[in-house]
Structure formats: C-alpha cells, structure tokens
C-alpha atoms as a PDB file:
ATOM      1  CA  UNK A   1     164.582  97.926 128.938  1.00  0.00           C
ATOM      2  CA  UNK A   2     160.877  98.064 128.064  1.00  0.00           C
ATOM      3  CA  UNK A   3     159.223  94.839 126.979  1.00  0.00           C
ATOM      4  CA  UNK A   4     155.929  94.054 125.257  1.00  0.00           C
ATOM      5  CA  UNK A   5     153.053  92.625 127.202  1.00  0.00           C
ATOM      6  CA  UNK A   6     150.442  90.243 125.964  1.00  0.00           C
ATOM      7  CA  UNK A   7     149.931  86.580 125.107  1.00  0.00           C
ATOM      8  CA  UNK A   8     151.487  86.909 121.631  1.00  0.00           C
ATOM      9  CA  UNK A   9     154.457  89.139 122.584  1.00  0.00           C
ATOM     10  CA  UNK A  10     158.014  87.736 122.355  1.00  0.00           C
ATOM     11  CA  UNK A  11     159.825  86.724 125.581  1.00  0.00           C
ATOM     12  CA  UNK A  12     162.006  89.405 127.191  1.00  0.00           C
ATOM     13  CA  UNK A  13     165.692  89.308 126.316  1.00  0.00           C
ATOM     14  CA  UNK A  14     168.329  89.321 129.066  1.00  0.00           C
ATOM     15  CA  UNK A  15     170.722  92.257 129.284  1.00  0.00           C
ATOM     16  CA  UNK A  16     173.540  90.051 128.084  1.00  0.00           C
ATOM     17  CA  UNK A  17     171.779  89.248 124.799  1.00  0.00           C
ATOM     18  CA  UNK A  18     173.443  90.256 121.620  1.00  0.00           C
ATOM     19  CA  UNK A  19     172.408  93.343 119.620  1.00  0.00           C
ATOM     20  CA  UNK A  20     170.761  91.365 116.766  1.00  0.00           C
ATOM     21  CA  UNK A  21     168.639  89.456 119.271  1.00  0.00           C
ATOM     22  CA  UNK A  22     167.519  92.653 120.960  1.00  0.00           C
ATOM     23  CA  UNK A  23     166.706  94.158 117.536  1.00  0.00           C
ATOM     24  CA  UNK A  24     164.556  91.146 116.635  1.00  0.00           C
ATOM     25  CA  UNK A  25     162.763  91.466 119.969  1.00  0.00           C
ATOM     26  CA  UNK A  26     161.995  95.131 119.314  1.00  0.00           C
ATOM     27  CA  UNK A  27     160.723  94.296 115.802  1.00  0.00           C
ATOM     28  CA  UNK A  28     158.499  91.536 117.167  1.00  0.00           C
ATOM     29  CA  UNK A  29     157.209  93.962 119.795  1.00  0.00           C
ATOM     30  CA  UNK A  30     156.209  96.455 117.105  1.00  0.00           C
ATOM     31  CA  UNK A  31     154.529  93.785 115.012  1.00  0.00           C
ATOM     32  CA  UNK A  32     152.590  92.340 117.922  1.00  0.00           C
ATOM     33  CA  UNK A  33     149.782  94.983 117.906  1.00  0.00           C
ATOM     34  CA  UNK A  34     149.130  94.423 114.198  1.00  0.00           C
ATOM     35  CA  UNK A  35     148.954  90.690 114.770  1.00  0.00           C
ATOM     36  CA  UNK A  36     146.615  91.139 117.716  1.00  0.00           C
ATOM     37  CA  UNK A  37     144.363  93.403 115.603  1.00  0.00           C
ATOM     38  CA  UNK A  38     143.733  90.533 113.216  1.00  0.00           C
ATOM     39  CA  UNK A  39     142.433  88.299 115.969  1.00  0.00           C
ATOM     40  CA  UNK A  40     138.700  88.742 116.566  1.00  0.00           C
ATOM     41  CA  UNK A  41     138.025  88.424 120.248  1.00  0.00           C
ATOM     42  CA  UNK A  42     134.562  87.310 121.348  1.00  0.00           C
ATOM     43  CA  UNK A  43     132.333  90.165 122.437  1.00  0.00           C
ATOM     44  CA  UNK A  44     129.425  90.122 124.813  1.00  0.00           C
ATOM     45  CA  UNK A  45     126.217  91.440 123.196  1.00  0.00           C
ATOM     46  CA  UNK A  46     124.332  94.154 124.956  1.00  0.00           C
ATOM     47  CA  UNK A  47     120.838  93.142 126.073  1.00  0.00           C
ATOM     48  CA  UNK A  48     119.321  95.782 123.767  1.00  0.00           C
ATOM     49  CA  UNK A  49     121.591  95.220 120.785  1.00  0.00           C
ATOM     50  CA  UNK A  50     119.171  92.708 119.248  1.00  0.00           C
ATOM     51  CA  UNK A  51     116.306  95.190 119.470  1.00  0.00           C
ATOM     52  CA  UNK A  52     118.391  97.908 117.831  1.00  0.00           C
ATOM     53  CA  UNK A  53     119.429  95.550 115.034  1.00  0.00           C
ATOM     54  CA  UNK A  54     115.829  94.591 114.365  1.00  0.00           C
ATOM     55  CA  UNK A  55     114.830  98.238 114.232  1.00  0.00           C
ATOM     56  CA  UNK A  56     117.637  98.968 111.800  1.00  0.00           C
ATOM     57  CA  UNK A  57     116.575  96.104 109.548  1.00  0.00           C
ATOM     58  CA  UNK A  58     112.986  97.308 109.582  1.00  0.00           C
ATOM     59  CA  UNK A  59     114.098 100.836 108.748  1.00  0.00           C
ATOM     60  CA  UNK A  60     116.176  99.628 105.792  1.00  0.00           C
ATOM     61  CA  UNK A  61     113.292  97.531 104.493  1.00  0.00           C
ATOM     62  CA  UNK A  62     110.885 100.454 104.847  1.00  0.00           C
ATOM     63  CA  UNK A  63     113.245 102.727 102.922  1.00  0.00           C
ATOM     64  CA  UNK A  64     113.593 100.167 100.135  1.00  0.00           C
ATOM     65  CA  UNK A  65     109.828  99.758  99.925  1.00  0.00           C
ATOM     66  CA  UNK A  66     109.427 103.539  99.841  1.00  0.00           C
ATOM     67  CA  UNK A  67     111.836 103.779  96.900  1.00  0.00           C
ATOM     68  CA  UNK A  68     109.947 101.063  95.036  1.00  0.00           C
ATOM     69  CA  UNK A  69     106.656 102.871  95.610  1.00  0.00           C
ATOM     70  CA  UNK A  70     108.140 106.135  94.389  1.00  0.00           C
ATOM     71  CA  UNK A  71     109.322 104.430  91.219  1.00  0.00           C
ATOM     72  CA  UNK A  72     105.870 102.921  90.739  1.00  0.00           C
ATOM     73  CA  UNK A  73     104.276 106.328  91.220  1.00  0.00           C
ATOM     74  CA  UNK A  74     106.672 107.929  88.731  1.00  0.00           C
ATOM     75  CA  UNK A  75     106.019 105.206  86.127  1.00  0.00           C
ATOM     76  CA  UNK A  76     102.244 105.537  86.421  1.00  0.00           C
ATOM     77  CA  UNK A  77     102.581 109.337  86.202  1.00  0.00           C
ATOM     78  CA  UNK A  78     104.398 109.020  82.868  1.00  0.00           C
ATOM     79  CA  UNK A  79     101.765 106.621  81.564  1.00  0.00           C
ATOM     80  CA  UNK A  80      98.947 108.935  82.637  1.00  0.00           C
ATOM     81  CA  UNK A  81     100.660 111.915  81.006  1.00  0.00           C
ATOM     82  CA  UNK A  82     101.078 109.944  77.775  1.00  0.00           C
ATOM     83  CA  UNK A  83      97.432 108.889  77.700  1.00  0.00           C
ATOM     84  CA  UNK A  84      96.020 112.300  78.596  1.00  0.00           C
ATOM     85  CA  UNK A  85      98.457 114.364  76.554  1.00  0.00           C
ATOM     86  CA  UNK A  86      98.219 112.156  73.495  1.00  0.00           C
ATOM     87  CA  UNK A  87      94.436 111.873  73.748  1.00  0.00           C
ATOM     88  CA  UNK A  88      93.860 115.610  74.084  1.00  0.00           C
ATOM     89  CA  UNK A  89      96.228 116.439  71.223  1.00  0.00           C
ATOM     90  CA  UNK A  90      94.635 113.855  68.929  1.00  0.00           C
ATOM     91  CA  UNK A  91      91.146 115.012  69.864  1.00  0.00           C
ATOM     92  CA  UNK A  92      92.046 118.626  69.142  1.00  0.00           C
ATOM     93  CA  UNK A  93      93.738 117.694  65.866  1.00  0.00           C
ATOM     94  CA  UNK A  94      90.789 115.612  64.633  1.00  0.00           C
ATOM     95  CA  UNK A  95      88.279 118.307  65.590  1.00  0.00           C
ATOM     96  CA  UNK A  96      90.258 121.080  63.898  1.00  0.00           C
ATOM     97  CA  UNK A  97      90.838 119.016  60.754  1.00  0.00           C
ATOM     98  CA  UNK A  98      87.152 118.113  60.537  1.00  0.00           C
ATOM     99  CA  UNK A  99      86.112 121.763  60.963  1.00  0.00           C
ATOM    100  CA  UNK A 100      88.507 122.945  58.258  1.00  0.00           C
ATOM    101  CA  UNK A 101      87.344 120.216  55.891  1.00  0.00           C
ATOM    102  CA  UNK A 102      83.695 121.108  56.444  1.00  0.00           C
ATOM    103  CA  UNK A 103      84.278 124.844  55.883  1.00  0.00           C
ATOM    104  CA  UNK A 104      86.699 124.537  52.951  1.00  0.00           C
ATOM    105  CA  UNK A 105      85.393 121.489  51.088  1.00  0.00           C
ATOM    106  CA  UNK A 106      81.839 121.309  52.332  1.00  0.00           C
ATOM    107  CA  UNK A 107      82.255 117.710  53.557  1.00  0.00           C
ATOM    108  CA  UNK A 108      83.373 116.144  56.804  1.00  0.00           C
ATOM    109  CA  UNK A 109      86.148 113.613  57.293  1.00  0.00           C
ATOM    110  CA  UNK A 110      84.731 110.064  57.455  1.00  0.00           C
ATOM    111  CA  UNK A 111      85.024 108.422  60.856  1.00  0.00           C
ATOM    112  CA  UNK A 112      85.535 111.640  62.790  1.00  0.00           C
ATOM    113  CA  UNK A 113      82.672 110.904  65.156  1.00  0.00           C
ATOM    114  CA  UNK A 114      83.973 107.402  65.906  1.00  0.00           C
ATOM    115  CA  UNK A 115      87.532 108.595  66.568  1.00  0.00           C
ATOM    116  CA  UNK A 116      86.192 111.381  68.786  1.00  0.00           C
ATOM    117  CA  UNK A 117      84.133 108.948  70.853  1.00  0.00           C
ATOM    118  CA  UNK A 118      87.087 106.588  71.285  1.00  0.00           C
ATOM    119  CA  UNK A 119      89.371 109.417  72.356  1.00  0.00           C
ATOM    120  CA  UNK A 120      86.795 110.664  74.864  1.00  0.00           C
ATOM    121  CA  UNK A 121      86.680 107.205  76.458  1.00  0.00           C
ATOM    122  CA  UNK A 122      90.469 107.104  76.697  1.00  0.00           C
ATOM    123  CA  UNK A 123      90.699 110.600  78.164  1.00  0.00           C
ATOM    124  CA  UNK A 124      87.945 109.919  80.696  1.00  0.00           C
ATOM    125  CA  UNK A 125      89.340 106.690  82.140  1.00  0.00           C
ATOM    126  CA  UNK A 126      92.942 107.764  81.669  1.00  0.00           C
ATOM    127  CA  UNK A 127      92.222 110.886  83.688  1.00  0.00           C
ATOM    128  CA  UNK A 128      90.805 108.860  86.591  1.00  0.00           C
ATOM    129  CA  UNK A 129      94.223 108.120  88.070  1.00  0.00           C
ATOM    130  CA  UNK A 130      95.385 111.669  87.313  1.00  0.00           C
ATOM    131  CA  UNK A 131      92.505 113.103  89.328  1.00  0.00           C
ATOM    132  CA  UNK A 132      93.239 110.775  92.252  1.00  0.00           C
ATOM    133  CA  UNK A 133      96.947 111.616  92.100  1.00  0.00           C
ATOM    134  CA  UNK A 134      96.273 115.333  92.522  1.00  0.00           C
ATOM    135  CA  UNK A 135      93.241 114.901  94.839  1.00  0.00           C
ATOM    136  CA  UNK A 136      90.968 116.588  92.295  1.00  0.00           C
ATOM    137  CA  UNK A 137      88.267 113.945  92.260  1.00  0.00           C
ATOM    138  CA  UNK A 138      84.752 114.447  93.593  1.00  0.00           C
ATOM    139  CA  UNK A 139      84.612 113.672  97.318  1.00  0.00           C
ATOM    140  CA  UNK A 140      81.662 113.504  99.705  1.00  0.00           C
ATOM    141  CA  UNK A 141      83.311 115.161 102.699  1.00  0.00           C
ATOM    142  CA  UNK A 142      80.361 116.094 104.914  1.00  0.00           C
ATOM    143  CA  UNK A 143      81.380 113.612 107.622  1.00  0.00           C
ATOM    144  CA  UNK A 144      85.094 113.850 106.896  1.00  0.00           C
ATOM    145  CA  UNK A 145      85.215 117.612 107.491  1.00  0.00           C
ATOM    146  CA  UNK A 146      83.735 117.183 110.956  1.00  0.00           C
ATOM    147  CA  UNK A 147      86.505 114.858 112.136  1.00  0.00           C
ATOM    148  CA  UNK A 148      89.923 115.753 113.478  1.00  0.00           C
ATOM    149  CA  UNK A 149      93.171 113.978 114.223  1.00  0.00           C
ATOM    150  CA  UNK A 150      93.303 110.202 114.157  1.00  0.00           C
ATOM    151  CA  UNK A 151      89.618 109.817 113.389  1.00  0.00           C
ATOM    152  CA  UNK A 152      90.024 111.961 110.277  1.00  0.00           C
ATOM    153  CA  UNK A 153      93.032 109.968 109.095  1.00  0.00           C
ATOM    154  CA  UNK A 154      91.351 106.639 109.902  1.00  0.00           C
ATOM    155  CA  UNK A 155      88.348 107.561 107.759  1.00  0.00           C
ATOM    156  CA  UNK A 156      90.618 108.659 104.897  1.00  0.00           C
ATOM    157  CA  UNK A 157      92.582 105.390 105.018  1.00  0.00           C
ATOM    158  CA  UNK A 158      89.373 103.358 105.146  1.00  0.00           C
ATOM    159  CA  UNK A 159      87.875 105.204 102.187  1.00  0.00           C
ATOM    160  CA  UNK A 160      91.106 104.904 100.189  1.00  0.00           C
ATOM    161  CA  UNK A 161      91.432 101.159 100.775  1.00  0.00           C
ATOM    162  CA  UNK A 162      87.735 100.566 100.121  1.00  0.00           C
ATOM    163  CA  UNK A 163      87.834 102.575  96.887  1.00  0.00           C
ATOM    164  CA  UNK A 164      90.967 100.757  95.742  1.00  0.00           C
ATOM    165  CA  UNK A 165      89.279  97.398  96.342  1.00  0.00           C
ATOM    166  CA  UNK A 166      86.150  98.562  94.490  1.00  0.00           C
ATOM    167  CA  UNK A 167      88.168  99.757  91.488  1.00  0.00           C
ATOM    168  CA  UNK A 168      90.024  96.446  91.346  1.00  0.00           C
ATOM    169  CA  UNK A 169      86.714  94.605  91.482  1.00  0.00           C
ATOM    170  CA  UNK A 170      85.280  96.706  88.647  1.00  0.00           C
ATOM    171  CA  UNK A 171      88.530  96.348  86.742  1.00  0.00           C
ATOM    172  CA  UNK A 172      88.199  92.570  86.833  1.00  0.00           C
ATOM    173  CA  UNK A 173      84.745  92.758  85.290  1.00  0.00           C
ATOM    174  CA  UNK A 174      86.045  95.282  82.746  1.00  0.00           C
ATOM    175  CA  UNK A 175      88.703  92.807  81.645  1.00  0.00           C
ATOM    176  CA  UNK A 176      86.062  90.115  81.166  1.00  0.00           C
ATOM    177  CA  UNK A 177      83.922  92.541  79.173  1.00  0.00           C
ATOM    178  CA  UNK A 178      86.827  93.517  76.901  1.00  0.00           C
ATOM    179  CA  UNK A 179      87.630  89.845  76.266  1.00  0.00           C
ATOM    180  CA  UNK A 180      83.977  89.172  75.473  1.00  0.00           C
ATOM    181  CA  UNK A 181      83.842  92.088  73.017  1.00  0.00           C
ATOM    182  CA  UNK A 182      87.047  90.903  71.372  1.00  0.00           C
ATOM    183  CA  UNK A 183      85.689  87.401  71.015  1.00  0.00           C
ATOM    184  CA  UNK A 184      82.554  88.832  69.396  1.00  0.00           C
ATOM    185  CA  UNK A 185      84.580  90.608  66.702  1.00  0.00           C
ATOM    186  CA  UNK A 186      82.681  93.897  66.890  1.00  0.00           C
ATOM    187  CA  UNK A 187      84.067  96.776  64.802  1.00  0.00           C
ATOM    188  CA  UNK A 188      83.060 100.378  64.197  1.00  0.00           C
ATOM    189  CA  UNK A 189      80.854 101.226  61.212  1.00  0.00           C
ATOM    190  CA  UNK A 190      82.914 103.772  59.288  1.00  0.00           C
ATOM    191  CA  UNK A 191      86.555 102.864  59.948  1.00  0.00           C
ATOM    192  CA  UNK A 192      86.224  99.245  61.003  1.00  0.00           C
ATOM    193  CA  UNK A 193      88.224  99.758  64.205  1.00  0.00           C
ATOM    194  CA  UNK A 194      87.845  96.844  66.655  1.00  0.00           C
ATOM    195  CA  UNK A 195      85.645  98.013  69.506  1.00  0.00           C
ATOM    196  CA  UNK A 196      87.700  96.178  72.118  1.00  0.00           C
ATOM    197  CA  UNK A 197      90.631  98.553  71.436  1.00  0.00           C
ATOM    198  CA  UNK A 198      88.482 101.483  72.493  1.00  0.00           C
ATOM    199  CA  UNK A 199      87.491  99.697  75.712  1.00  0.00           C
ATOM    200  CA  UNK A 200      91.010  98.586  76.670  1.00  0.00           C
ATOM    201  CA  UNK A 201      91.534 101.805  78.601  1.00  0.00           C
ATOM    202  CA  UNK A 202      88.660 100.967  80.962  1.00  0.00           C
ATOM    203  CA  UNK A 203      90.400  98.210  82.995  1.00  0.00           C
ATOM    204  CA  UNK A 204      93.727 100.026  82.659  1.00  0.00           C
ATOM    205  CA  UNK A 205      92.305 103.263  84.043  1.00  0.00           C
ATOM    206  CA  UNK A 206      90.576 101.451  86.895  1.00  0.00           C
ATOM    207  CA  UNK A 207      93.828  99.673  87.765  1.00  0.00           C
ATOM    208  CA  UNK A 208      95.795 102.934  87.782  1.00  0.00           C
ATOM    209  CA  UNK A 209      93.144 104.534  89.976  1.00  0.00           C
ATOM    210  CA  UNK A 210      93.302 101.618  92.416  1.00  0.00           C
ATOM    211  CA  UNK A 211      97.089 101.957  92.590  1.00  0.00           C
ATOM    212  CA  UNK A 212      96.801 105.652  93.454  1.00  0.00           C
ATOM    213  CA  UNK A 213      94.242 105.007  96.193  1.00  0.00           C
ATOM    214  CA  UNK A 214      96.441 102.260  97.635  1.00  0.00           C
ATOM    215  CA  UNK A 215      99.446 104.591  97.602  1.00  0.00           C
ATOM    216  CA  UNK A 216      97.377 107.235  99.378  1.00  0.00           C
ATOM    217  CA  UNK A 217      96.464 104.774 102.122  1.00  0.00           C
ATOM    218  CA  UNK A 218     100.092 103.711 102.503  1.00  0.00           C
ATOM    219  CA  UNK A 219     101.274 107.317 102.773  1.00  0.00           C
ATOM    220  CA  UNK A 220      98.797 108.044 105.542  1.00  0.00           C
ATOM    221  CA  UNK A 221      99.741 104.881 107.419  1.00  0.00           C
ATOM    222  CA  UNK A 222     103.449 105.743 107.374  1.00  0.00           C
ATOM    223  CA  UNK A 223     103.301 109.518 107.935  1.00  0.00           C
ATOM    224  CA  UNK A 224     102.116 111.693 110.774  1.00  0.00           C
ATOM    225  CA  UNK A 225     100.453 114.300 108.562  1.00  0.00           C
ATOM    226  CA  UNK A 226      97.295 113.680 106.531  1.00  0.00           C
ATOM    227  CA  UNK A 227      97.678 113.202 102.791  1.00  0.00           C
ATOM    228  CA  UNK A 228      94.762 113.449 100.390  1.00  0.00           C
ATOM    229  CA  UNK A 229      96.957 111.778  97.757  1.00  0.00           C
ATOM    230  CA  UNK A 230     100.365 110.121  97.683  1.00  0.00           C
ATOM    231  CA  UNK A 231     102.145 113.423  97.014  1.00  0.00           C
ATOM    232  CA  UNK A 232      99.393 115.847  98.039  1.00  0.00           C
ATOM    233  CA  UNK A 233      99.346 116.834 101.680  1.00  0.00           C
ATOM    234  CA  UNK A 234      96.059 118.085 103.058  1.00  0.00           C
ATOM    235  CA  UNK A 235      95.989 121.879 102.967  1.00  0.00           C
ATOM    236  CA  UNK A 236      92.563 122.649 104.361  1.00  0.00           C
ATOM    237  CA  UNK A 237      92.645 125.176 107.142  1.00  0.00           C
ATOM    238  CA  UNK A 238      91.385 124.083 110.498  1.00  0.00           C
ATOM    239  CA  UNK A 239      88.337 126.107 111.587  1.00  0.00           C
ATOM    240  CA  UNK A 240      88.717 128.209 114.680  1.00  0.00           C
ATOM    241  CA  UNK A 241      87.004 127.365 117.979  1.00  0.00           C
END
C-alpha cells in the first residue's frame, strides 16, 4: 500500500485496518497537497533580487510619469488649438465684416481696430507654444549644427532648460504687469474693454512655451534619439565625410 509522505500527512494504516479507516487515510492523503499549498514556506532571496525589484519600481514610476506628461501635452495642445483656431476665425470674421460694412454702407464697424489688435496679441502669444511644440520657432543653430552625438544633445537640453527658465521668469513679470494694469482700471477707447483682458494671454503663452521646452528637455534626457520637440524627432540629415 502506498502512503503519503510529509509532515502533515496522516499516519500509515496497518494492513489489518478496516475499509473505512483505509478510505479516510486515502482521502487525507489526497487533501494533504492542497493543505500544504496554503502554507507559505520561507524563501531565501537571491542576492540580486533586491536590485531587480528596485529596477522594476523605477520602471513603473517612469511609465506613470510618462503617461502624466503625455496627458499634460495633450491638454496644452487642445488649449493652444482653441486659442489659435478661435483667434484666427474671429480675426477673419471681424475683418470681413468690417470690409463689407465699409463697401456697402460707407462706414466701418466701431471698435474693429481695437478688437483686431487684441486678437493679434492673443494669436501671437498663443502661437508661441504651438511653434515650440512643432519645432517651428526661430533657432540660432550655427554652433548646434557643428556638433554630433552627446555634445549635440547636451546643447539642446541646456538650451531647452535655459529657455524654459527664461520664459517662466518673464511670465512672472507678465503676471505682475497684468495685475498692475487691472488695478489701474484701463479700458479701450471705443468699446471700453478692460486692457488687462487683452494682456492675460501674455503670461499664459509664456507658461505654455516653458512647459513645451521643459517637455523637450525631458524627452531628450529619457530617449536615445535627439528630439527638437516633445513629439518631433530631429530629421536633419547628417552631412557626409
């Protein structure tokens, strides 16, 4: 007769044992593995298991941070599209309406010049982050084009971080200026629009531009390739020897 082995297995039954006793022994033998599976035996950690766990935790944290940055980039992209799209459409509508009024009625619409100036300010500073996002801004690349490899990426990261810090610095002064204008109560001549509303886009546009430059620096620090923007990989062809 075959018996179970292990610390939690039932004792072997003698040959003279009754049939019900042998049946209970067989049942206990079948249940023993399931009981043993519930007991957590102490394990000895591998010397490198701690290092692997730390790497896994860092990887998970990096992936979470990457998802947060992608959401931030998507949110700023929607805001930029709203500012630029709405500003261009309003500017076109005001200009067309003013032209029709001048040709059909012989007079212009009051306040057209003021609305046009305000919309131009919003489009200009709202388009700052859009230009950085698509790497379409003006760049002085005389030194940058002469570098290769890590030196090229290091210069790009340095310029991106420095520009982001500069935009944040200017944005702080822009906020103070907008608050000062609001406290002064200045309004436009024809329509009486508060001037501070027109200047609100200035600190907002500088902040969005700083965010894009910071995202560009982060992308280059976490990727092997060179990125001119967060989602724009460098596509310049390397010159031949």
